[in-house]
């Protein structure tokens, strides 16, 4: 299973209830296509970088879901024919999440190492401890 991120922009003329109904419709489409929704979040109304269909702002909605990848074409088709959606983007993010976790672990290990070495211990002992940590 791969992890994907779907971001779509709903028309600003839609009310909050209509945006929630549209989100529920997309959530149902994802689950019927076989995807598992990990996270859904309405990011609110924001100004667009450029005008789309005479709209200068839109409501951003974000989904994180897991799927095989076969459901993406149908989801993309459904979003393209939905008039309430100004734009959408589906991106695979599982590799990025793994890379972010690896950097997070490295930062935590480096912070722990700095905490250990910031004390008044002699430099020789610090080097000895670092060699032991590297061997583990």
Foldseek 3Di string as FASTA:
>chain_A
DFKKKKKWWFAPVDDPVRVVVVVVVLVVLCVVLPKAWDDKDWPQKDADPDDFPNGGITTMIMTMIDDDPPSVVVSVVVLVPDPRTRDMDMGTCRVVVVVVVVVVVVVVVVVVLCVVPVDPDDPVVSVVVVVVVVVD
